[in-house]
Amino acid sequence: YFIKLKKRKKPHSIQLILDFKTNTIPFEILNDGKDFLSDYIIFSRILIDSKEHSNQQFLIDSNNDFTVVANPSEDEDIKKSIKEELKYITNLIDSTFTLKGPYIGHSVTKIDLIRVMGSTSLFHFSGHYAQGENVVGWKLYNDIFNFEDIKKISKVPNFIFSNSCGDRSLSFFKFINSFLNKGTKVIISTLGQVPSNRAS
């Protein structure tokens, strides 16, 4: 299978459904003796609690609200790709769900993000993931939405798609884990750098 993928010019996307034990497997650095999987495969992950979710299925109800927040940090390097992504994402969501937003730019503060995430079942974030000296999380305009802010959300969304970069640091997993511990059933995020337009 990997040999076939190597012959393709475009990278292939694979979604992994993992618990916290299997999530420690470094899929990106696995190789065939010559090439790494991450050179040809873009991995996305759904993290689940194997104990709580072993006998459960999560179904997305099309009657639910779907909120979209994009580029709250107003970074110029992703402005164009975010605009193209929003056009695709919002049309897709609006045809199936009740679309709320998109909320774009510096008008989305921590308070706004806490409020909108507390009033929606499904949530899509497009933007940068920031890693500072003392705090990590989604990058806002002159601020960072971190795991302490997640604790302040009254009721987290059941489903979260985070189109932002990630890494293998404990702080990144703490950020993701904060949503799951708060009650999120499914979160799709990434490890590593996300190429422009990858979410579409």
C-alpha atoms as a PDB file:
ATOM      1  CA  TYR A   1       0.000   0.000   0.000  1.00  0.00           C
ATOM      2  CA  PHE A   2       2.801   2.405   0.937  1.00  0.00           C
ATOM      3  CA  ILE A   3       4.614   1.631  -2.332  1.00  0.00           C
ATOM      4  CA  LYS A   4       1.487   2.705  -4.259  1.00  0.00           C
ATOM      5  CA  LEU A   5       1.276   5.928  -2.242  1.00  0.00           C
ATOM      6  CA  LYS A   6       4.888   6.773  -3.035  1.00  0.00           C
ATOM      7  CA  LYS A   7       4.090   6.739  -6.738  1.00  0.00           C
ATOM      8  CA  ARG A   8       1.474   9.476  -6.332  1.00  0.00           C
ATOM      9  CA  LYS A   9       2.460  13.130  -6.659  1.00  0.00           C
ATOM     10  CA  LYS A  10      -0.088  14.420  -4.152  1.00  0.00           C
ATOM     11  CA  PRO A  11      -0.025  13.422  -0.456  1.00  0.00           C
ATOM     12  CA  HIS A  12      -2.693  11.034   0.790  1.00  0.00           C
ATOM     13  CA  SER A  13      -4.815  11.781   3.873  1.00  0.00           C
ATOM     14  CA  ILE A  14      -5.566   9.190   6.530  1.00  0.00           C
ATOM     15  CA  GLN A  15      -7.716   9.675   9.626  1.00  0.00           C
ATOM     16  CA  LEU A  16      -6.659   7.716  12.702  1.00  0.00           C
ATOM     17  CA  ILE A  17      -9.059   6.900  15.560  1.00  0.00           C
ATOM     18  CA  LEU A  18      -6.850   6.549  18.623  1.00  0.00           C
ATOM     19  CA  ASP A  19      -6.981   6.351  22.389  1.00  0.00           C
ATOM     20  CA  PHE A  20      -4.276   7.903  24.534  1.00  0.00           C
ATOM     21  CA  LYS A  21      -2.126   4.768  24.486  1.00  0.00           C
ATOM     22  CA  THR A  22      -2.134   4.244  20.718  1.00  0.00           C
ATOM     23  CA  ASN A  23      -1.735   7.988  20.173  1.00  0.00           C
ATOM     24  CA  THR A  24       1.842   7.670  21.456  1.00  0.00           C
ATOM     25  CA  ILE A  25       2.753   5.639  18.358  1.00  0.00           C
ATOM     26  CA  PRO A  26       4.855   7.979  16.162  1.00  0.00           C
ATOM     27  CA  PHE A  27       3.133   7.188  12.843  1.00  0.00           C
ATOM     28  CA  GLU A  28       4.811  10.140  11.116  1.00  0.00           C
ATOM     29  CA  ILE A  29       8.320   8.787  11.644  1.00  0.00           C
ATOM     30  CA  LEU A  30       7.582   5.191  10.635  1.00  0.00           C
ATOM     31  CA  ASN A  31       9.428   4.340   7.438  1.00  0.00           C
ATOM     32  CA  ASP A  32      10.195   1.597   4.944  1.00  0.00           C
ATOM     33  CA  GLY A  33      13.930   1.932   5.350  1.00  0.00           C
ATOM     34  CA  LYS A  34      14.133   4.783   2.880  1.00  0.00           C
ATOM     35  CA  ASP A  35      11.180   7.178   3.213  1.00  0.00           C
ATOM     36  CA  PHE A  36       9.046   8.357   6.123  1.00  0.00           C
ATOM     37  CA  LEU A  37       5.269   7.889   6.047  1.00  0.00           C
ATOM     38  CA  SER A  38       4.838  11.588   6.779  1.00  0.00           C
ATOM     39  CA  ASP A  39       6.441  12.433   3.426  1.00  0.00           C
ATOM     40  CA  TYR A  40       3.476  10.876   1.628  1.00  0.00           C
ATOM     41  CA  ILE A  41       0.649  10.727   4.181  1.00  0.00           C
ATOM     42  CA  ILE A  42      -1.062  13.536   6.081  1.00  0.00           C
ATOM     43  CA  PHE A  43      -2.437  12.107   9.307  1.00  0.00           C
ATOM     44  CA  SER A  44      -5.407  13.484  11.215  1.00  0.00           C
ATOM     45  CA  ARG A  45      -6.458  12.069  14.548  1.00  0.00           C
ATOM     46  CA  ILE A  46      -9.630  11.482  16.526  1.00  0.00           C
ATOM     47  CA  LEU A  47      -8.727  11.010  20.176  1.00  0.00           C
ATOM     48  CA  ILE A  48     -11.127   8.948  22.266  1.00  0.00           C
ATOM     49  CA  ASP A  49     -11.263   7.705  25.824  1.00  0.00           C
ATOM     50  CA  SER A  50     -11.200   3.948  25.285  1.00  0.00           C
ATOM     51  CA  LYS A  51     -12.938   3.249  28.587  1.00  0.00           C
ATOM     52  CA  GLU A  52     -15.790   5.697  28.150  1.00  0.00           C
ATOM     53  CA  HIS A  53     -16.277   5.263  24.388  1.00  0.00           C
ATOM     54  CA  SER A  54     -15.722   1.530  23.946  1.00  0.00           C
ATOM     55  CA  ASN A  55     -19.436   0.807  23.744  1.00  0.00           C
ATOM     56  CA  GLN A  56     -20.617   4.155  22.389  1.00  0.00           C
ATOM     57  CA  GLN A  57     -21.102   5.643  18.961  1.00  0.00           C
ATOM     58  CA  PHE A  58     -21.198   9.339  18.218  1.00  0.00           C
ATOM     59  CA  LEU A  59     -23.561  10.473  15.491  1.00  0.00           C
ATOM     60  CA  ILE A  60     -23.709  14.070  14.256  1.00  0.00           C
ATOM     61  CA  ASP A  61     -27.279  15.374  14.201  1.00  0.00           C
ATOM     62  CA  SER A  62     -27.929  17.568  11.166  1.00  0.00           C
ATOM     63  CA  ASN A  63     -30.278  19.725  13.272  1.00  0.00           C
ATOM     64  CA  ASN A  64     -27.397  20.965  15.410  1.00  0.00           C
ATOM     65  CA  ASP A  65     -25.709  24.355  15.220  1.00  0.00           C
ATOM     66  CA  PHE A  66     -22.290  24.410  13.563  1.00  0.00           C
ATOM     67  CA  THR A  67     -20.137  27.403  14.510  1.00  0.00           C
ATOM     68  CA  VAL A  68     -17.122  28.540  12.493  1.00  0.00           C
ATOM     69  CA  VAL A  69     -14.313  30.775  13.784  1.00  0.00           C
ATOM     70  CA  ALA A  70     -11.492  31.790  11.455  1.00  0.00           C
ATOM     71  CA  ASN A  71      -8.150  33.590  11.749  1.00  0.00           C
ATOM     72  CA  PRO A  72      -8.890  35.470  14.986  1.00  0.00           C
ATOM     73  CA  SER A  73      -5.214  36.489  15.079  1.00  0.00           C
ATOM     74  CA  GLU A  74      -5.559  38.210  11.669  1.00  0.00           C
ATOM     75  CA  ASP A  75      -2.273  36.768  10.415  1.00  0.00           C
ATOM     76  CA  GLU A  76      -1.582  37.779   6.833  1.00  0.00           C
ATOM     77  CA  ASP A  77       0.182  34.520   5.922  1.00  0.00           C
ATOM     78  CA  ILE A  78      -3.066  32.540   6.118  1.00  0.00           C
ATOM     79  CA  LYS A  79      -5.567  35.235   5.178  1.00  0.00           C
ATOM     80  CA  LYS A  80      -5.971  34.147   1.555  1.00  0.00           C
ATOM     81  CA  SER A  81      -6.163  30.423   2.265  1.00  0.00           C
ATOM     82  CA  ILE A  82      -8.616  31.024   5.125  1.00  0.00           C
ATOM     83  CA  LYS A  83     -10.888  32.973   2.779  1.00  0.00           C
ATOM     84  CA  GLU A  84     -10.909  30.089   0.284  1.00  0.00           C
ATOM     85  CA  GLU A  85     -11.420  27.533   3.031  1.00  0.00           C
ATOM     86  CA  LEU A  86     -14.352  29.455   4.508  1.00  0.00           C
ATOM     87  CA  LYS A  87     -16.105  29.584   1.157  1.00  0.00           C
ATOM     88  CA  TYR A  88     -15.904  25.817   0.889  1.00  0.00           C
ATOM     89  CA  ILE A  89     -16.588  25.018   4.551  1.00  0.00           C
ATOM     90  CA  THR A  90     -19.532  27.381   5.023  1.00  0.00           C
ATOM     91  CA  ASN A  91     -21.283  26.177   1.865  1.00  0.00           C
ATOM     92  CA  LEU A  92     -20.839  22.595   3.017  1.00  0.00           C
ATOM     93  CA  ILE A  93     -22.068  23.289   6.544  1.00  0.00           C
ATOM     94  CA  ASP A  94     -24.920  25.573   5.519  1.00  0.00           C
ATOM     95  CA  SER A  95     -26.383  22.870   3.288  1.00  0.00           C
ATOM     96  CA  THR A  96     -26.600  20.380   6.157  1.00  0.00           C
ATOM     97  CA  PHE A  97     -26.512  22.212   9.497  1.00  0.00           C
ATOM     98  CA  THR A  98     -27.536  25.497  11.063  1.00  0.00           C
ATOM     99  CA  LEU A  99     -24.502  27.677  10.379  1.00  0.00           C
ATOM    100  CA  LYS A 100     -23.408  30.200  13.004  1.00  0.00           C
ATOM    101  CA  GLY A 101     -20.759  32.593  11.754  1.00  0.00           C
ATOM    102  CA  PRO A 102     -18.224  32.559  10.374  1.00  0.00           C
ATOM    103  CA  TYR A 103     -16.718  34.803  13.034  1.00  0.00           C
ATOM    104  CA  ILE A 104     -13.539  36.255  11.545  1.00  0.00           C
ATOM    105  CA  GLY A 105     -10.635  38.342  12.764  1.00  0.00           C
ATOM    106  CA  HIS A 106      -9.727  40.227  15.914  1.00  0.00           C
ATOM    107  CA  SER A 107     -13.357  40.725  16.948  1.00  0.00           C
ATOM    108  CA  VAL A 108     -13.209  37.155  18.308  1.00  0.00           C
ATOM    109  CA  THR A 109     -11.836  37.591  21.827  1.00  0.00           C
ATOM    110  CA  LYS A 110     -11.414  35.019  24.579  1.00  0.00           C
ATOM    111  CA  ILE A 111     -14.787  35.963  26.003  1.00  0.00           C
ATOM    112  CA  ASP A 112     -16.434  35.620  22.593  1.00  0.00           C
ATOM    113  CA  LEU A 113     -14.814  32.233  21.998  1.00  0.00           C
ATOM    114  CA  ILE A 114     -15.915  30.955  25.404  1.00  0.00           C
ATOM    115  CA  ARG A 115     -19.443  32.176  24.675  1.00  0.00           C
ATOM    116  CA  VAL A 116     -19.828  30.770  21.153  1.00  0.00           C
ATOM    117  CA  MET A 117     -18.270  27.419  22.072  1.00  0.00           C
ATOM    118  CA  GLY A 118     -20.657  27.153  25.008  1.00  0.00           C
ATOM    119  CA  SER A 119     -23.688  27.557  22.755  1.00  0.00           C
ATOM    120  CA  THR A 120     -22.924  25.214  19.841  1.00  0.00           C
ATOM    121  CA  SER A 121     -22.763  21.452  19.364  1.00  0.00           C
ATOM    122  CA  LEU A 122     -20.324  21.474  16.440  1.00  0.00           C
ATOM    123  CA  PHE A 123     -17.317  23.756  16.079  1.00  0.00           C
ATOM    124  CA  HIS A 124     -14.703  24.507  13.405  1.00  0.00           C
ATOM    125  CA  PHE A 125     -11.575  26.538  14.149  1.00  0.00           C
ATOM    126  CA  SER A 126      -9.210  27.755  11.439  1.00  0.00           C
ATOM    127  CA  GLY A 127      -6.134  29.620  12.516  1.00  0.00           C
ATOM    128  CA  HIS A 128      -2.748  29.388  14.148  1.00  0.00           C
ATOM    129  CA  TYR A 129      -1.761  27.317  17.163  1.00  0.00           C
ATOM    130  CA  ALA A 130       0.601  29.374  19.297  1.00  0.00           C
ATOM    131  CA  GLN A 131       3.321  28.065  21.545  1.00  0.00           C
ATOM    132  CA  GLY A 132       4.721  30.664  23.902  1.00  0.00           C
ATOM    133  CA  GLU A 133       7.078  30.352  26.838  1.00  0.00           C
ATOM    134  CA  ASN A 134       4.359  30.017  29.443  1.00  0.00           C
ATOM    135  CA  VAL A 135       1.164  29.360  27.511  1.00  0.00           C
ATOM    136  CA  VAL A 136       0.003  27.459  24.421  1.00  0.00           C
ATOM    137  CA  GLY A 137      -3.259  27.300  22.506  1.00  0.00           C
ATOM    138  CA  TRP A 138      -5.224  28.847  19.657  1.00  0.00           C
ATOM    139  CA  LYS A 139      -3.747  32.169  18.629  1.00  0.00           C
ATOM    140  CA  LEU A 140      -6.003  35.205  18.987  1.00  0.00           C
ATOM    141  CA  TYR A 141      -5.295  38.859  18.312  1.00  0.00           C
ATOM    142  CA  ASN A 142      -2.571  39.693  20.872  1.00  0.00           C
ATOM    143  CA  ASP A 143      -3.733  36.796  23.035  1.00  0.00           C
ATOM    144  CA  ILE A 144      -3.846  32.982  23.276  1.00  0.00           C
ATOM    145  CA  PHE A 145      -6.872  30.801  24.004  1.00  0.00           C
ATOM    146  CA  ASN A 146      -5.414  28.135  26.324  1.00  0.00           C
ATOM    147  CA  PHE A 147      -6.523  25.143  28.371  1.00  0.00           C
ATOM    148  CA  GLU A 148      -7.410  27.384  31.330  1.00  0.00           C
ATOM    149  CA  ASP A 149      -9.917  29.155  29.077  1.00  0.00           C
ATOM    150  CA  ILE A 150     -11.406  25.801  28.042  1.00  0.00           C
ATOM    151  CA  LYS A 151     -12.319  25.207  31.681  1.00  0.00           C
ATOM    152  CA  LYS A 152     -14.473  28.337  31.578  1.00  0.00           C
ATOM    153  CA  ILE A 153     -16.724  27.060  28.759  1.00  0.00           C
ATOM    154  CA  SER A 154     -20.117  26.183  30.233  1.00  0.00           C
ATOM    155  CA  LYS A 155     -20.671  23.280  27.841  1.00  0.00           C
ATOM    156  CA  VAL A 156     -18.079  22.351  25.232  1.00  0.00           C
ATOM    157  CA  PRO A 157     -19.096  21.338  21.694  1.00  0.00           C
ATOM    158  CA  ASN A 158     -19.581  17.620  21.060  1.00  0.00           C
ATOM    159  CA  PHE A 159     -17.501  17.851  17.880  1.00  0.00           C
ATOM    160  CA  ILE A 160     -14.468  20.063  17.206  1.00  0.00           C
ATOM    161  CA  PHE A 161     -12.431  20.362  14.017  1.00  0.00           C
ATOM    162  CA  SER A 162      -9.222  22.273  14.654  1.00  0.00           C
ATOM    163  CA  ASN A 163      -7.535  23.283  11.408  1.00  0.00           C
ATOM    164  CA  SER A 164      -4.325  24.457  13.009  1.00  0.00           C
ATOM    165  CA  CYS A 165      -0.809  23.181  13.490  1.00  0.00           C
ATOM    166  CA  GLY A 166       0.112  20.983  16.416  1.00  0.00           C
ATOM    167  CA  ASP A 167       3.073  19.155  17.885  1.00  0.00           C
ATOM    168  CA  ARG A 168       3.946  16.223  20.143  1.00  0.00           C
ATOM    169  CA  SER A 169       4.581  18.310  23.247  1.00  0.00           C
ATOM    170  CA  LEU A 170       2.854  17.564  26.521  1.00  0.00           C
ATOM    171  CA  SER A 171       1.382  21.066  26.474  1.00  0.00           C
ATOM    172  CA  PHE A 172      -0.303  20.426  23.110  1.00  0.00           C
ATOM    173  CA  PHE A 173      -1.838  17.178  24.335  1.00  0.00           C
ATOM    174  CA  LYS A 174      -2.930  18.959  27.512  1.00  0.00           C
ATOM    175  CA  PHE A 175      -4.715  21.534  25.362  1.00  0.00           C
ATOM    176  CA  ILE A 176      -6.505  18.851  23.305  1.00  0.00           C
ATOM    177  CA  ASN A 177      -7.182  16.735  26.367  1.00  0.00           C
ATOM    178  CA  SER A 178      -8.836  19.683  28.112  1.00  0.00           C
ATOM    179  CA  PHE A 179     -11.681  19.577  25.587  1.00  0.00           C
ATOM    180  CA  LEU A 180     -12.106  15.817  26.016  1.00  0.00           C
ATOM    181  CA  ASN A 181     -12.036  16.050  29.803  1.00  0.00           C
ATOM    182  CA  LYS A 182     -14.642  18.811  29.643  1.00  0.00           C
ATOM    183  CA  GLY A 183     -16.981  16.611  27.566  1.00  0.00           C
ATOM    184  CA  THR A 184     -16.112  16.890  23.873  1.00  0.00           C
ATOM    185  CA  LYS A 185     -16.825  13.532  22.218  1.00  0.00           C
ATOM    186  CA  VAL A 186     -14.798  13.945  19.017  1.00  0.00           C
ATOM    187  CA  ILE A 187     -11.935  16.285  18.202  1.00  0.00           C
ATOM    188  CA  ILE A 188     -10.057  16.262  14.920  1.00  0.00           C
ATOM    189  CA  SER A 189      -6.684  17.946  15.040  1.00  0.00           C
ATOM    190  CA  THR A 190      -3.223  17.540  13.578  1.00  0.00           C
ATOM    191  CA  LEU A 191       0.374  16.951  14.529  1.00  0.00           C
ATOM    192  CA  GLY A 192       2.903  18.974  12.595  1.00  0.00           C
ATOM    193  CA  GLN A 193       2.533  21.831  10.143  1.00  0.00           C
ATOM    194  CA  VAL A 194      -0.701  22.120   8.163  1.00  0.00           C
ATOM    195  CA  PRO A 195      -0.276  23.126   4.488  1.00  0.00           C
ATOM    196  CA  SER A 196      -2.562  25.896   3.219  1.00  0.00           C
ATOM    197  CA  ASN A 197      -6.001  24.744   2.009  1.00  0.00           C
ATOM    198  CA  ARG A 198      -5.494  21.326   3.585  1.00  0.00           C
ATOM    199  CA  ALA A 199      -8.851  21.416   5.424  1.00  0.00           C
ATOM    200  CA  SER A 200     -10.735  21.584   2.140  1.00  0.00           C
END
